[in-house]
Amino acid sequence: TAAERAKRTLSSGTEATLEIDALFDGIDFYTKISRARFEELCSDLFRGTLQPVEKALADAKMDKGSIHDVVLVGGSTRIPKIQSLLQNYFCGKPLNLSINPDEAVAYGAAVQAAVLSGDTSDKIQ
């Protein structure tokens, strides 16, 4: 969709163009949006991304200070504001950007499957 394309563009640039043909009564829609405006419009959603992180830590009975590596999962983690919120939440710890966020779920599932199958080799680390 046009919104998805704009989100992806704003993840690497500071401005995006939205174009929607025949949005209403055959009228085309065209506008530009800045990253700052996008972040402003989505601020509540962005802040909400920390809730599952806090829940995961609580469920694991872990403190955020005991986290060694923060791996981003899912395409929306490419959004600079989300990265900034997460880095701030983890007290400035650098985020691990070496794993493709779109592939991280599959990687994590493979590691979990190995653990559940009893594989304790260093290869699954």
PDB file of N, CA and C in Angstrom:
ATOM      1  N   THR A   1       0.835  -1.193   0.000  1.00  0.00           N
ATOM      2  CA  THR A   1       0.000   0.000   0.000  1.00  0.00           C
ATOM      3  C   THR A   1       0.877   1.252   0.000  1.00  0.00           C
ATOM      4  N   ALA A   2       0.245   2.379  -0.267  1.00  0.00           N
ATOM      5  CA  ALA A   2       0.978   3.648  -0.277  1.00  0.00           C
ATOM      6  C   ALA A   2       1.552   3.957   1.109  1.00  0.00           C
ATOM      7  N   ALA A   3       0.795   3.638   2.151  1.00  0.00           N
ATOM      8  CA  ALA A   3       1.263   3.903   3.512  1.00  0.00           C
ATOM      9  C   ALA A   3       2.488   3.050   3.845  1.00  0.00           C
ATOM     10  N   GLU A   4       2.455   1.789   3.451  1.00  0.00           N
ATOM     11  CA  GLU A   4       3.598   0.899   3.691  1.00  0.00           C
ATOM     12  C   GLU A   4       4.830   1.392   2.945  1.00  0.00           C
ATOM     13  N   ARG A   5       4.647   1.809   1.708  1.00  0.00           N
ATOM     14  CA  ARG A   5       5.785   2.333   0.932  1.00  0.00           C
ATOM     15  C   ARG A   5       6.352   3.584   1.597  1.00  0.00           C
ATOM     16  N   ALA A   6       5.472   4.451   2.091  1.00  0.00           N
ATOM     17  CA  ALA A   6       5.935   5.669   2.763  1.00  0.00           C
ATOM     18  C   ALA A   6       6.704   5.321   4.031  1.00  0.00           C
ATOM     19  N   LYS A   7       6.193   4.356   4.794  1.00  0.00           N
ATOM     20  CA  LYS A   7       6.882   3.933   6.023  1.00  0.00           C
ATOM     21  C   LYS A   7       8.280   3.422   5.698  1.00  0.00           C
ATOM     22  N   ARG A   8       8.391   2.611   4.674  1.00  0.00           N
ATOM     23  CA  ARG A   8       9.701   2.071   4.285  1.00  0.00           C
ATOM     24  C   ARG A   8      10.635   3.184   3.811  1.00  0.00           C
ATOM     25  N   THR A   9      10.098   4.115   3.045  1.00  0.00           N
ATOM     26  CA  THR A   9      10.908   5.237   2.564  1.00  0.00           C
ATOM     27  C   THR A   9      11.412   6.073   3.734  1.00  0.00           C
ATOM     28  N   LEU A  10      10.541   6.315   4.718  1.00  0.00           N
ATOM     29  CA  LEU A  10      10.912   7.138   5.867  1.00  0.00           C
ATOM     30  C   LEU A  10      11.869   6.419   6.817  1.00  0.00           C
ATOM     31  N   SER A  11      12.024   5.121   6.668  1.00  0.00           N
ATOM     32  CA  SER A  11      12.985   4.389   7.485  1.00  0.00           C
ATOM     33  C   SER A  11      14.416   4.680   7.055  1.00  0.00           C
ATOM     34  N   SER A  12      14.576   5.119   5.815  1.00  0.00           N
ATOM     35  CA  SER A  12      15.926   5.439   5.342  1.00  0.00           C
ATOM     36  C   SER A  12      16.071   6.885   4.879  1.00  0.00           C
ATOM     37  N   GLY A  13      14.960   7.570   4.677  1.00  0.00           N
ATOM     38  CA  GLY A  13      14.997   8.963   4.228  1.00  0.00           C
ATOM     39  C   GLY A  13      14.216   9.863   5.165  1.00  0.00           C
ATOM     40  N   THR A  14      14.206  11.146   4.861  1.00  0.00           N
ATOM     41  CA  THR A  14      13.537  12.103   5.753  1.00  0.00           C
ATOM     42  C   THR A  14      12.205  12.598   5.207  1.00  0.00           C
ATOM     43  N   GLU A  15      11.859  12.185   3.982  1.00  0.00           N
ATOM     44  CA  GLU A  15      10.588  12.618   3.403  1.00  0.00           C
ATOM     45  C   GLU A  15      10.079  11.540   2.455  1.00  0.00           C
ATOM     46  N   ALA A  16       8.757  11.395   2.404  1.00  0.00           N
ATOM     47  CA  ALA A  16       8.143  10.415   1.502  1.00  0.00           C
ATOM     48  C   ALA A  16       6.939  11.047   0.823  1.00  0.00           C
ATOM     49  N   THR A  17       6.603  10.512  -0.326  1.00  0.00           N
ATOM     50  CA  THR A  17       5.442  10.953  -1.080  1.00  0.00           C
ATOM     51  C   THR A  17       4.386   9.860  -1.032  1.00  0.00           C
ATOM     52  N   LEU A  18       3.159  10.272  -0.766  1.00  0.00           N
ATOM     53  CA  LEU A  18       2.026   9.348  -0.784  1.00  0.00           C
ATOM     54  C   LEU A  18       1.158   9.685  -1.981  1.00  0.00           C
ATOM     55  N   GLU A  19       0.893   8.690  -2.809  1.00  0.00           N
ATOM     56  CA  GLU A  19       0.024   8.872  -3.965  1.00  0.00           C
ATOM     57  C   GLU A  19      -0.999   7.746  -3.973  1.00  0.00           C
ATOM     58  N   ILE A  20      -2.276   8.120  -3.965  1.00  0.00           N
ATOM     59  CA  ILE A  20      -3.351   7.127  -3.998  1.00  0.00           C
ATOM     60  C   ILE A  20      -4.323   7.527  -5.096  1.00  0.00           C
ATOM     61  N   ASP A  21      -4.439   6.669  -6.094  1.00  0.00           N
ATOM     62  CA  ASP A  21      -5.363   6.933  -7.194  1.00  0.00           C
ATOM     63  C   ASP A  21      -6.794   6.691  -6.740  1.00  0.00           C
ATOM     64  N   ALA A  22      -7.686   7.608  -7.104  1.00  0.00           N
ATOM     65  CA  ALA A  22      -9.124   7.485  -6.841  1.00  0.00           C
ATOM     66  C   ALA A  22      -9.418   7.136  -5.386  1.00  0.00           C
ATOM     67  N   LEU A  23      -8.865   7.907  -4.478  1.00  0.00           N
ATOM     68  CA  LEU A  23      -9.082   7.663  -3.051  1.00  0.00           C
ATOM     69  C   LEU A  23     -10.552   7.803  -2.674  1.00  0.00           C
ATOM     70  N   PHE A  24     -11.205   8.841  -3.200  1.00  0.00           N
ATOM     71  CA  PHE A  24     -12.615   9.079  -2.874  1.00  0.00           C
ATOM     72  C   PHE A  24     -13.296   9.731  -4.069  1.00  0.00           C
ATOM     73  N   ASP A  25     -14.389   9.158  -4.490  1.00  0.00           N
ATOM     74  CA  ASP A  25     -15.160   9.686  -5.624  1.00  0.00           C
ATOM     75  C   ASP A  25     -14.291   9.965  -6.845  1.00  0.00           C
ATOM     76  N   GLY A  26     -13.340   9.081  -7.084  1.00  0.00           N
ATOM     77  CA  GLY A  26     -12.481   9.230  -8.253  1.00  0.00           C
ATOM     78  C   GLY A  26     -11.411  10.296  -8.130  1.00  0.00           C
ATOM     79  N   ILE A  27     -11.303  10.891  -6.955  1.00  0.00           N
ATOM     80  CA  ILE A  27     -10.315  11.950  -6.736  1.00  0.00           C
ATOM     81  C   ILE A  27      -9.005  11.329  -6.252  1.00  0.00           C
ATOM     82  N   ASP A  28      -7.928  11.668  -6.935  1.00  0.00           N
ATOM     83  CA  ASP A  28      -6.606  11.182  -6.548  1.00  0.00           C
ATOM     84  C   ASP A  28      -6.096  11.968  -5.346  1.00  0.00           C
ATOM     85  N   PHE A  29      -5.295  11.299  -4.528  1.00  0.00           N
ATOM     86  CA  PHE A  29      -4.713  11.926  -3.338  1.00  0.00           C
ATOM     87  C   PHE A  29      -3.203  11.942  -3.489  1.00  0.00           C
ATOM     88  N   TYR A  30      -2.599  13.066  -3.158  1.00  0.00           N
ATOM     89  CA  TYR A  30      -1.153  13.218  -3.243  1.00  0.00           C
ATOM     90  C   TYR A  30      -0.702  14.121  -2.109  1.00  0.00           C
ATOM     91  N   THR A  31       0.307  13.681  -1.368  1.00  0.00           N
ATOM     92  CA  THR A  31       0.877  14.526  -0.322  1.00  0.00           C
ATOM     93  C   THR A  31       2.299  14.058  -0.017  1.00  0.00           C
ATOM     94  N   LYS A  32       3.023  14.910   0.661  1.00  0.00           N
ATOM     95  CA  LYS A  32       4.357  14.559   1.153  1.00  0.00           C
ATOM     96  C   LYS A  32       4.280  14.533   2.669  1.00  0.00           C
ATOM     97  N   ILE A  33       5.091  13.671   3.253  1.00  0.00           N
ATOM     98  CA  ILE A  33       5.146  13.590   4.710  1.00  0.00           C
ATOM     99  C   ILE A  33       6.611  13.495   5.124  1.00  0.00           C
ATOM    100  N   SER A  34       6.945  14.213   6.177  1.00  0.00           N
ATOM    101  CA  SER A  34       8.318  14.173   6.693  1.00  0.00           C
ATOM    102  C   SER A  34       8.425  13.067   7.740  1.00  0.00           C
ATOM    103  N   ARG A  35       9.646  12.645   7.999  1.00  0.00           N
ATOM    104  CA  ARG A  35       9.856  11.650   9.048  1.00  0.00           C
ATOM    105  C   ARG A  35       9.388  12.197  10.397  1.00  0.00           C
ATOM    106  N   ALA A  36       9.647  13.475  10.647  1.00  0.00           N
ATOM    107  CA  ALA A  36       9.232  14.082  11.919  1.00  0.00           C
ATOM    108  C   ALA A  36       7.717  14.024  12.083  1.00  0.00           C
ATOM    109  N   ARG A  37       6.979  14.325  11.030  1.00  0.00           N
ATOM    110  CA  ARG A  37       5.505  14.284  11.090  1.00  0.00           C
ATOM    111  C   ARG A  37       5.028  12.846  11.269  1.00  0.00           C
ATOM    112  N   PHE A  38       5.641  11.920  10.562  1.00  0.00           N
ATOM    113  CA  PHE A  38       5.311  10.500  10.693  1.00  0.00           C
ATOM    114  C   PHE A  38       5.516  10.042  12.137  1.00  0.00           C
ATOM    115  N   GLU A  39       6.643  10.420  12.730  1.00  0.00           N
ATOM    116  CA  GLU A  39       6.928  10.041  14.115  1.00  0.00           C
ATOM    117  C   GLU A  39       5.923  10.659  15.073  1.00  0.00           C
ATOM    118  N   GLU A  40       5.527  11.890  14.799  1.00  0.00           N
ATOM    119  CA  GLU A  40       4.527  12.563  15.627  1.00  0.00           C
ATOM    120  C   GLU A  40       3.186  11.833  15.546  1.00  0.00           C
ATOM    121  N   LEU A  41       2.767  11.489  14.346  1.00  0.00           N
ATOM    122  CA  LEU A  41       1.485  10.806  14.157  1.00  0.00           C
ATOM    123  C   LEU A  41       1.473   9.412  14.784  1.00  0.00           C
ATOM    124  N   CYS A  42       2.613   8.767  14.812  1.00  0.00           N
ATOM    125  CA  CYS A  42       2.703   7.382  15.293  1.00  0.00           C
ATOM    126  C   CYS A  42       3.279   7.270  16.702  1.00  0.00           C
ATOM    127  N   SER A  43       3.451   8.379  17.400  1.00  0.00           N
ATOM    128  CA  SER A  43       4.157   8.359  18.684  1.00  0.00           C
ATOM    129  C   SER A  43       3.537   7.395  19.692  1.00  0.00           C
ATOM    130  N   ASP A  44       2.209   7.351  19.789  1.00  0.00           N
ATOM    131  CA  ASP A  44       1.571   6.423  20.732  1.00  0.00           C
ATOM    132  C   ASP A  44       1.859   4.972  20.355  1.00  0.00           C
ATOM    133  N   LEU A  45       1.796   4.681  19.070  1.00  0.00           N
ATOM    134  CA  LEU A  45       2.100   3.321  18.604  1.00  0.00           C
ATOM    135  C   LEU A  45       3.548   2.960  18.902  1.00  0.00           C
ATOM    136  N   PHE A  46       4.449   3.890  18.659  1.00  0.00           N
ATOM    137  CA  PHE A  46       5.863   3.623  18.898  1.00  0.00           C
ATOM    138  C   PHE A  46       6.132   3.356  20.371  1.00  0.00           C
ATOM    139  N   ARG A  47       5.553   4.165  21.246  1.00  0.00           N
ATOM    140  CA  ARG A  47       5.750   3.949  22.684  1.00  0.00           C
ATOM    141  C   ARG A  47       5.210   2.587  23.103  1.00  0.00           C
ATOM    142  N   GLY A  48       4.135   2.149  22.458  1.00  0.00           N
ATOM    143  CA  GLY A  48       3.538   0.853  22.772  1.00  0.00           C
ATOM    144  C   GLY A  48       4.425  -0.327  22.430  1.00  0.00           C
ATOM    145  N   THR A  49       5.446  -0.103  21.612  1.00  0.00           N
ATOM    146  CA  THR A  49       6.333  -1.212  21.247  1.00  0.00           C
ATOM    147  C   THR A  49       7.168  -1.682  22.432  1.00  0.00           C
ATOM    148  N   LEU A  50       7.277  -0.865  23.452  1.00  0.00           N
ATOM    149  CA  LEU A  50       8.069  -1.263  24.616  1.00  0.00           C
ATOM    150  C   LEU A  50       7.296  -2.208  25.536  1.00  0.00           C
ATOM    151  N   GLN A  51       5.969  -2.218  25.453  1.00  0.00           N
ATOM    152  CA  GLN A  51       5.172  -3.073  26.341  1.00  0.00           C
ATOM    153  C   GLN A  51       5.496  -4.558  26.193  1.00  0.00           C
ATOM    154  N   PRO A  52       5.574  -5.104  24.965  1.00  0.00           N
ATOM    155  CA  PRO A  52       5.935  -6.525  24.870  1.00  0.00           C
ATOM    156  C   PRO A  52       7.361  -6.809  25.349  1.00  0.00           C
ATOM    157  N   VAL A  53       8.246  -5.834  25.210  1.00  0.00           N
ATOM    158  CA  VAL A  53       9.620  -6.003  25.694  1.00  0.00           C
ATOM    159  C   VAL A  53       9.600  -6.115  27.215  1.00  0.00           C
ATOM    160  N   GLU A  54       8.864  -5.206  27.859  1.00  0.00           N
ATOM    161  CA  GLU A  54       8.762  -5.229  29.317  1.00  0.00           C
ATOM    162  C   GLU A  54       8.111  -6.518  29.798  1.00  0.00           C
ATOM    163  N   LYS A  55       7.078  -6.978  29.096  1.00  0.00           N
ATOM    164  CA  LYS A  55       6.395  -8.214  29.470  1.00  0.00           C
ATOM    165  C   LYS A  55       7.322  -9.413  29.318  1.00  0.00           C
ATOM    166  N   ALA A  56       8.073  -9.456  28.231  1.00  0.00           N
ATOM    167  CA  ALA A  56       9.002 -10.574  28.018  1.00  0.00           C
ATOM    168  C   ALA A  56      10.051 -10.627  29.127  1.00  0.00           C
ATOM    169  N   LEU A  57      10.566  -9.471  29.509  1.00  0.00           N
ATOM    170  CA  LEU A  57      11.550  -9.426  30.591  1.00  0.00           C
ATOM    171  C   LEU A  57      10.922  -9.871  31.912  1.00  0.00           C
ATOM    172  N   ALA A  58       9.712  -9.395  32.185  1.00  0.00           N
ATOM    173  CA  ALA A  58       9.027  -9.775  33.422  1.00  0.00           C
ATOM    174  C   ALA A  58       8.736 -11.275  33.436  1.00  0.00           C
ATOM    175  N   ASP A  59       8.239 -11.807  32.317  1.00  0.00           N
ATOM    176  CA  ASP A  59       7.937 -13.239  32.237  1.00  0.00           C
ATOM    177  C   ASP A  59       9.190 -14.088  32.433  1.00  0.00           C
ATOM    178  N   ALA A  60      10.316 -13.595  31.941  1.00  0.00           N
ATOM    179  CA  ALA A  60      11.583 -14.320  32.075  1.00  0.00           C
ATOM    180  C   ALA A  60      12.270 -14.032  33.409  1.00  0.00           C
ATOM    181  N   LYS A  61      11.651 -13.156  34.207  1.00  0.00           N
ATOM    182  CA  LYS A  61      12.227 -12.738  35.490  1.00  0.00           C
ATOM    183  C   LYS A  61      13.646 -12.210  35.301  1.00  0.00           C
ATOM    184  N   MET A  62      13.769 -11.343  34.293  1.00  0.00           N
ATOM    185  CA  MET A  62      15.071 -10.751  33.975  1.00  0.00           C
ATOM    186  C   MET A  62      14.992  -9.240  34.078  1.00  0.00           C
ATOM    187  N   ASP A  63      16.122  -8.650  34.353  1.00  0.00           N
ATOM    188  CA  ASP A  63      16.260  -7.203  34.390  1.00  0.00           C
ATOM    189  C   ASP A  63      16.864  -6.759  33.063  1.00  0.00           C
ATOM    190  N   LYS A  64      16.480  -5.592  32.585  1.00  0.00           N
ATOM    191  CA  LYS A  64      17.007  -5.146  31.290  1.00  0.00           C
ATOM    192  C   LYS A  64      18.525  -4.980  31.314  1.00  0.00           C
ATOM    193  N   GLY A  65      19.089  -4.782  32.477  1.00  0.00           N
ATOM    194  CA  GLY A  65      20.540  -4.670  32.598  1.00  0.00           C
ATOM    195  C   GLY A  65      21.268  -5.982  32.353  1.00  0.00           C
ATOM    196  N   SER A  66      20.541  -7.096  32.440  1.00  0.00           N
ATOM    197  CA  SER A  66      21.176  -8.403  32.231  1.00  0.00           C
ATOM    198  C   SER A  66      21.120  -8.857  30.770  1.00  0.00           C
ATOM    199  N   ILE A  67      20.578  -8.025  29.910  1.00  0.00           N
ATOM    200  CA  ILE A  67      20.491  -8.360  28.485  1.00  0.00           C
ATOM    201  C   ILE A  67      21.836  -8.086  27.819  1.00  0.00           C
ATOM    202  N   HIS A  68      22.355  -9.081  27.111  1.00  0.00           N
ATOM    203  CA  HIS A  68      23.650  -8.946  26.441  1.00  0.00           C
ATOM    204  C   HIS A  68      23.523  -8.399  25.031  1.00  0.00           C
ATOM    205  N   ASP A  69      22.459  -8.783  24.347  1.00  0.00           N
ATOM    206  CA  ASP A  69      22.312  -8.436  22.940  1.00  0.00           C
ATOM    207  C   ASP A  69      20.852  -8.117  22.649  1.00  0.00           C
ATOM    208  N   VAL A  70      20.599  -7.024  21.978  1.00  0.00           N
ATOM    209  CA  VAL A  70      19.240  -6.650  21.580  1.00  0.00           C
ATOM    210  C   VAL A  70      19.138  -6.865  20.075  1.00  0.00           C
ATOM    211  N   VAL A  71      18.378  -7.902  19.695  1.00  0.00           N
ATOM    212  CA  VAL A  71      18.195  -8.255  18.286  1.00  0.00           C
ATOM    213  C   VAL A  71      16.808  -7.791  17.862  1.00  0.00           C
ATOM    214  N   LEU A  72      16.754  -7.044  16.778  1.00  0.00           N
ATOM    215  CA  LEU A  72      15.490  -6.513  16.286  1.00  0.00           C
ATOM    216  C   LEU A  72      14.785  -7.539  15.410  1.00  0.00           C
ATOM    217  N   VAL A  73      13.459  -7.657  15.601  1.00  0.00           N
ATOM    218  CA  VAL A  73      12.661  -8.647  14.881  1.00  0.00           C
ATOM    219  C   VAL A  73      11.487  -7.959  14.208  1.00  0.00           C
ATOM    220  N   GLY A  74      11.340  -8.162  12.909  1.00  0.00           N
ATOM    221  CA  GLY A  74      10.215  -7.599  12.166  1.00  0.00           C
ATOM    222  C   GLY A  74      10.613  -6.342  11.415  1.00  0.00           C
ATOM    223  N   GLY A  75       9.987  -6.155  10.282  1.00  0.00           N
ATOM    224  CA  GLY A  75      10.338  -5.047   9.397  1.00  0.00           C
ATOM    225  C   GLY A  75      10.200  -3.669  10.005  1.00  0.00           C
ATOM    226  N   SER A  76       9.236  -3.492  10.915  1.00  0.00           N
ATOM    227  CA  SER A  76       9.035  -2.162  11.500  1.00  0.00           C
ATOM    228  C   SER A  76      10.175  -1.742  12.412  1.00  0.00           C
ATOM    229  N   THR A  77      11.021  -2.684  12.789  1.00  0.00           N
ATOM    230  CA  THR A  77      12.165  -2.319  13.629  1.00  0.00           C
ATOM    231  C   THR A  77      13.223  -1.564  12.837  1.00  0.00           C
ATOM    232  N   ARG A  78      12.998  -1.398  11.537  1.00  0.00           N
ATOM    233  CA  ARG A  78      13.896  -0.561  10.729  1.00  0.00           C
ATOM    234  C   ARG A  78      13.587   0.923  10.916  1.00  0.00           C
ATOM    235  N   ILE A  79      12.461   1.235  11.517  1.00  0.00           N
ATOM    236  CA  ILE A  79      12.065   2.627  11.730  1.00  0.00           C
ATOM    237  C   ILE A  79      13.019   3.247  12.756  1.00  0.00           C
ATOM    238  N   PRO A  80      13.699   4.326  12.391  1.00  0.00           N
ATOM    239  CA  PRO A  80      14.683   4.929  13.299  1.00  0.00           C
ATOM    240  C   PRO A  80      14.133   5.267  14.687  1.00  0.00           C
ATOM    241  N   LYS A  81      12.907   5.731  14.787  1.00  0.00           N
ATOM    242  CA  LYS A  81      12.340   6.095  16.091  1.00  0.00           C
ATOM    243  C   LYS A  81      12.192   4.866  16.980  1.00  0.00           C
ATOM    244  N   ILE A  82      11.789   3.748  16.414  1.00  0.00           N
ATOM    245  CA  ILE A  82      11.671   2.517  17.196  1.00  0.00           C
ATOM    246  C   ILE A  82      13.054   2.075  17.667  1.00  0.00           C
ATOM    247  N   GLN A  83      14.040   2.165  16.796  1.00  0.00           N
ATOM    248  CA  GLN A  83      15.405   1.819  17.192  1.00  0.00           C
ATOM    249  C   GLN A  83      15.882   2.717  18.328  1.00  0.00           C
ATOM    250  N   SER A  84      15.584   3.999  18.225  1.00  0.00           N
ATOM    251  CA  SER A  84      15.982   4.955  19.257  1.00  0.00           C
ATOM    252  C   SER A  84      15.305   4.643  20.592  1.00  0.00           C
ATOM    253  N   LEU A  85      14.009   4.356  20.561  1.00  0.00           N
ATOM    254  CA  LEU A  85      13.281   4.018  21.788  1.00  0.00           C
ATOM    255  C   LEU A  85      13.872   2.774  22.449  1.00  0.00           C
ATOM    256  N   LEU A  86      14.165   1.766  21.645  1.00  0.00           N
ATOM    257  CA  LEU A  86      14.728   0.532  22.195  1.00  0.00           C
ATOM    258  C   LEU A  86      16.128   0.751  22.758  1.00  0.00           C
ATOM    259  N   GLN A  87      16.934   1.496  22.039  1.00  0.00           N
ATOM    260  CA  GLN A  87      18.290   1.760  22.528  1.00  0.00           C
ATOM    261  C   GLN A  87      18.236   2.548  23.838  1.00  0.00           C
ATOM    262  N   ASN A  88      17.352   3.523  23.921  1.00  0.00           N
ATOM    263  CA  ASN A  88      17.199   4.288  25.166  1.00  0.00           C
ATOM    264  C   ASN A  88      16.684   3.399  26.294  1.00  0.00           C
ATOM    265  N   TYR A  89      15.732   2.527  25.985  1.00  0.00           N
ATOM    266  CA  TYR A  89      15.175   1.630  26.999  1.00  0.00           C
ATOM    267  C   TYR A  89      16.266   0.739  27.588  1.00  0.00           C
ATOM    268  N   PHE A  90      17.161   0.282  26.732  1.00  0.00           N
ATOM    269  CA  PHE A  90      18.252  -0.582  27.190  1.00  0.00           C
ATOM    270  C   PHE A  90      19.501   0.226  27.540  1.00  0.00           C
ATOM    271  N   CYS A  91      19.289   1.434  28.051  1.00  0.00           N
ATOM    272  CA  CYS A  91      20.338   2.283  28.610  1.00  0.00           C
ATOM    273  C   CYS A  91      21.480   2.560  27.632  1.00  0.00           C
ATOM    274  N   GLY A  92      21.145   2.773  26.377  1.00  0.00           N
ATOM    275  CA  GLY A  92      22.147   3.131  25.386  1.00  0.00           C
ATOM    276  C   GLY A  92      22.896   1.970  24.762  1.00  0.00           C
ATOM    277  N   LYS A  93      22.545   0.746  25.155  1.00  0.00           N
ATOM    278  CA  LYS A  93      23.221  -0.432  24.586  1.00  0.00           C
ATOM    279  C   LYS A  93      23.026  -0.441  23.071  1.00  0.00           C
ATOM    280  N   PRO A  94      24.110  -0.627  22.320  1.00  0.00           N
ATOM    281  CA  PRO A  94      23.973  -0.681  20.853  1.00  0.00           C
ATOM    282  C   PRO A  94      23.077  -1.851  20.433  1.00  0.00           C
ATOM    283  N   LEU A  95      22.245  -1.621  19.447  1.00  0.00           N
ATOM    284  CA  LEU A  95      21.363  -2.664  18.943  1.00  0.00           C
ATOM    285  C   LEU A  95      22.136  -3.560  17.980  1.00  0.00           C
ATOM    286  N   ASN A  96      21.812  -4.839  17.984  1.00  0.00           N
ATOM    287  CA  ASN A  96      22.442  -5.777  17.053  1.00  0.00           C
ATOM    288  C   ASN A  96      21.721  -5.662  15.715  1.00  0.00           C
ATOM    289  N   LEU A  97      22.371  -5.048  14.753  1.00  0.00           N
ATOM    290  CA  LEU A  97      21.780  -4.841  13.436  1.00  0.00           C
ATOM    291  C   LEU A  97      22.341  -5.815  12.406  1.00  0.00           C
ATOM    292  N   SER A  98      23.043  -6.855  12.878  1.00  0.00           N
ATOM    293  CA  SER A  98      23.686  -7.785  11.948  1.00  0.00           C
ATOM    294  C   SER A  98      22.729  -8.842  11.408  1.00  0.00           C
ATOM    295  N   ILE A  99      21.567  -8.998  12.041  1.00  0.00           N
ATOM    296  CA  ILE A  99      20.586  -9.982  11.589  1.00  0.00           C
ATOM    297  C   ILE A  99      19.451  -9.247  10.888  1.00  0.00           C
ATOM    298  N   ASN A 100      19.072  -9.718   9.718  1.00  0.00           N
ATOM    299  CA  ASN A 100      17.960  -9.135   8.976  1.00  0.00           C
ATOM    300  C   ASN A 100      16.689  -9.269   9.819  1.00  0.00           C
ATOM    301  N   PRO A 101      16.008  -8.155  10.149  1.00  0.00           N
ATOM    302  CA  PRO A 101      14.811  -8.223  10.994  1.00  0.00           C
ATOM    303  C   PRO A 101      13.707  -9.111  10.423  1.00  0.00           C
ATOM    304  N   ASP A 102      13.656  -9.240   9.101  1.00  0.00           N
ATOM    305  CA  ASP A 102      12.640 -10.090   8.484  1.00  0.00           C
ATOM    306  C   ASP A 102      12.966 -11.570   8.651  1.00  0.00           C
ATOM    307  N   GLU A 103      14.240 -11.889   8.835  1.00  0.00           N
ATOM    308  CA  GLU A 103      14.669 -13.279   8.984  1.00  0.00           C
ATOM    309  C   GLU A 103      14.846 -13.687  10.442  1.00  0.00           C
ATOM    310  N   ALA A 104      14.819 -12.728  11.348  1.00  0.00           N
ATOM    311  CA  ALA A 104      15.100 -13.005  12.756  1.00  0.00           C
ATOM    312  C   ALA A 104      14.083 -13.953  13.378  1.00  0.00           C
ATOM    313  N   VAL A 105      12.822 -13.851  12.985  1.00  0.00           N
ATOM    314  CA  VAL A 105      11.794 -14.742  13.538  1.00  0.00           C
ATOM    315  C   VAL A 105      12.099 -16.185  13.156  1.00  0.00           C
ATOM    316  N   ALA A 106      12.431 -16.411  11.894  1.00  0.00           N
ATOM    317  CA  ALA A 106      12.752 -17.767  11.439  1.00  0.00           C
ATOM    318  C   ALA A 106      13.996 -18.287  12.146  1.00  0.00           C
ATOM    319  N   TYR A 107      14.985 -17.425  12.318  1.00  0.00           N
ATOM    320  CA  TYR A 107      16.213 -17.807  13.007  1.00  0.00           C
ATOM    321  C   TYR A 107      15.902 -18.204  14.454  1.00  0.00           C
ATOM    322  N   GLY A 108      15.118 -17.377  15.133  1.00  0.00           N
ATOM    323  CA  GLY A 108      14.743 -17.670  16.518  1.00  0.00           C
ATOM    324  C   GLY A 108      13.943 -18.954  16.636  1.00  0.00           C
ATOM    325  N   ALA A 109      13.044 -19.190  15.690  1.00  0.00           N
ATOM    326  CA  ALA A 109      12.253 -20.422  15.701  1.00  0.00           C
ATOM    327  C   ALA A 109      13.154 -21.639  15.504  1.00  0.00           C
ATOM    328  N   ALA A 110      14.150 -21.519  14.646  1.00  0.00           N
ATOM    329  CA  ALA A 110      15.083 -22.628  14.417  1.00  0.00           C
ATOM    330  C   ALA A 110      15.898 -22.917  15.673  1.00  0.00           C
ATOM    331  N   VAL A 111      16.352 -21.873  16.341  1.00  0.00           N
ATOM    332  CA  VAL A 111      17.106 -22.054  17.587  1.00  0.00           C
ATOM    333  C   VAL A 111      16.222 -22.707  18.641  1.00  0.00           C
ATOM    334  N   GLN A 112      14.979 -22.234  18.772  1.00  0.00           N
ATOM    335  CA  GLN A 112      14.056 -22.803  19.758  1.00  0.00           C
ATOM    336  C   GLN A 112      13.773 -24.274  19.452  1.00  0.00           C
ATOM    337  N   ALA A 113      13.606 -24.605  18.176  1.00  0.00           N
ATOM    338  CA  ALA A 113      13.373 -26.000  17.793  1.00  0.00           C
ATOM    339  C   ALA A 113      14.565 -26.869  18.178  1.00  0.00           C
ATOM    340  N   ALA A 114      15.771 -26.351  17.972  1.00  0.00           N
ATOM    341  CA  ALA A 114      16.970 -27.102  18.341  1.00  0.00           C
ATOM    342  C   ALA A 114      17.031 -27.313  19.849  1.00  0.00           C
ATOM    343  N   VAL A 115      16.705 -26.280  20.598  1.00  0.00           N
ATOM    344  CA  VAL A 115      16.711 -26.385  22.062  1.00  0.00           C
ATOM    345  C   VAL A 115      15.682 -27.417  22.520  1.00  0.00           C
ATOM    346  N   LEU A 116      14.474 -27.345  21.959  1.00  0.00           N
ATOM    347  CA  LEU A 116      13.416 -28.280  22.347  1.00  0.00           C
ATOM    348  C   LEU A 116      13.745 -29.719  21.960  1.00  0.00           C
ATOM    349  N   SER A 117      14.547 -29.878  20.913  1.00  0.00           N
ATOM    350  CA  SER A 117      14.921 -31.232  20.487  1.00  0.00           C
ATOM    351  C   SER A 117      16.099 -31.775  21.297  1.00  0.00           C
ATOM    352  N   GLY A 118      16.638 -30.941  22.182  1.00  0.00           N
ATOM    353  CA  GLY A 118      17.728 -31.383  23.038  1.00  0.00           C
ATOM    354  C   GLY A 118      19.111 -31.054  22.520  1.00  0.00           C
ATOM    355  N   ASP A 119      19.196 -30.359  21.421  1.00  0.00           N
ATOM    356  CA  ASP A 119      20.498 -29.978  20.850  1.00  0.00           C
ATOM    357  C   ASP A 119      21.084 -28.849  21.692  1.00  0.00           C
ATOM    358  N   THR A 120      22.219 -29.098  22.306  1.00  0.00           N
ATOM    359  CA  THR A 120      22.856 -28.071  23.140  1.00  0.00           C
ATOM    360  C   THR A 120      24.201 -27.636  22.572  1.00  0.00           C
ATOM    361  N   SER A 121      24.428 -27.922  21.310  1.00  0.00           N
ATOM    362  CA  SER A 121      25.714 -27.566  20.701  1.00  0.00           C
ATOM    363  C   SER A 121      25.872 -26.056  20.598  1.00  0.00           C
ATOM    364  N   ASP A 122      27.113 -25.629  20.492  1.00  0.00           N
ATOM    365  CA  ASP A 122      27.406 -24.203  20.360  1.00  0.00           C
ATOM    366  C   ASP A 122      26.891 -23.629  19.052  1.00  0.00           C
ATOM    367  N   LYS A 123      26.605 -24.469  18.084  1.00  0.00           N
ATOM    368  CA  LYS A 123      26.139 -24.005  16.776  1.00  0.00           C
ATOM    369  C   LYS A 123      24.803 -23.275  16.861  1.00  0.00           C
ATOM    370  N   ILE A 124      24.002 -23.566  17.877  1.00  0.00           N
ATOM    371  CA  ILE A 124      22.689 -22.917  17.969  1.00  0.00           C
ATOM    372  C   ILE A 124      22.738 -21.606  18.738  1.00  0.00           C
ATOM    373  N   GLN A 125      23.887 -21.222  19.187  1.00  0.00           N
ATOM    374  CA  GLN A 125      23.995 -19.976  19.951  1.00  0.00           C
ATOM    375  C   GLN A 125      23.886 -18.797  19.062  1.00  0.00           C
TER     376      GLN A 125
END
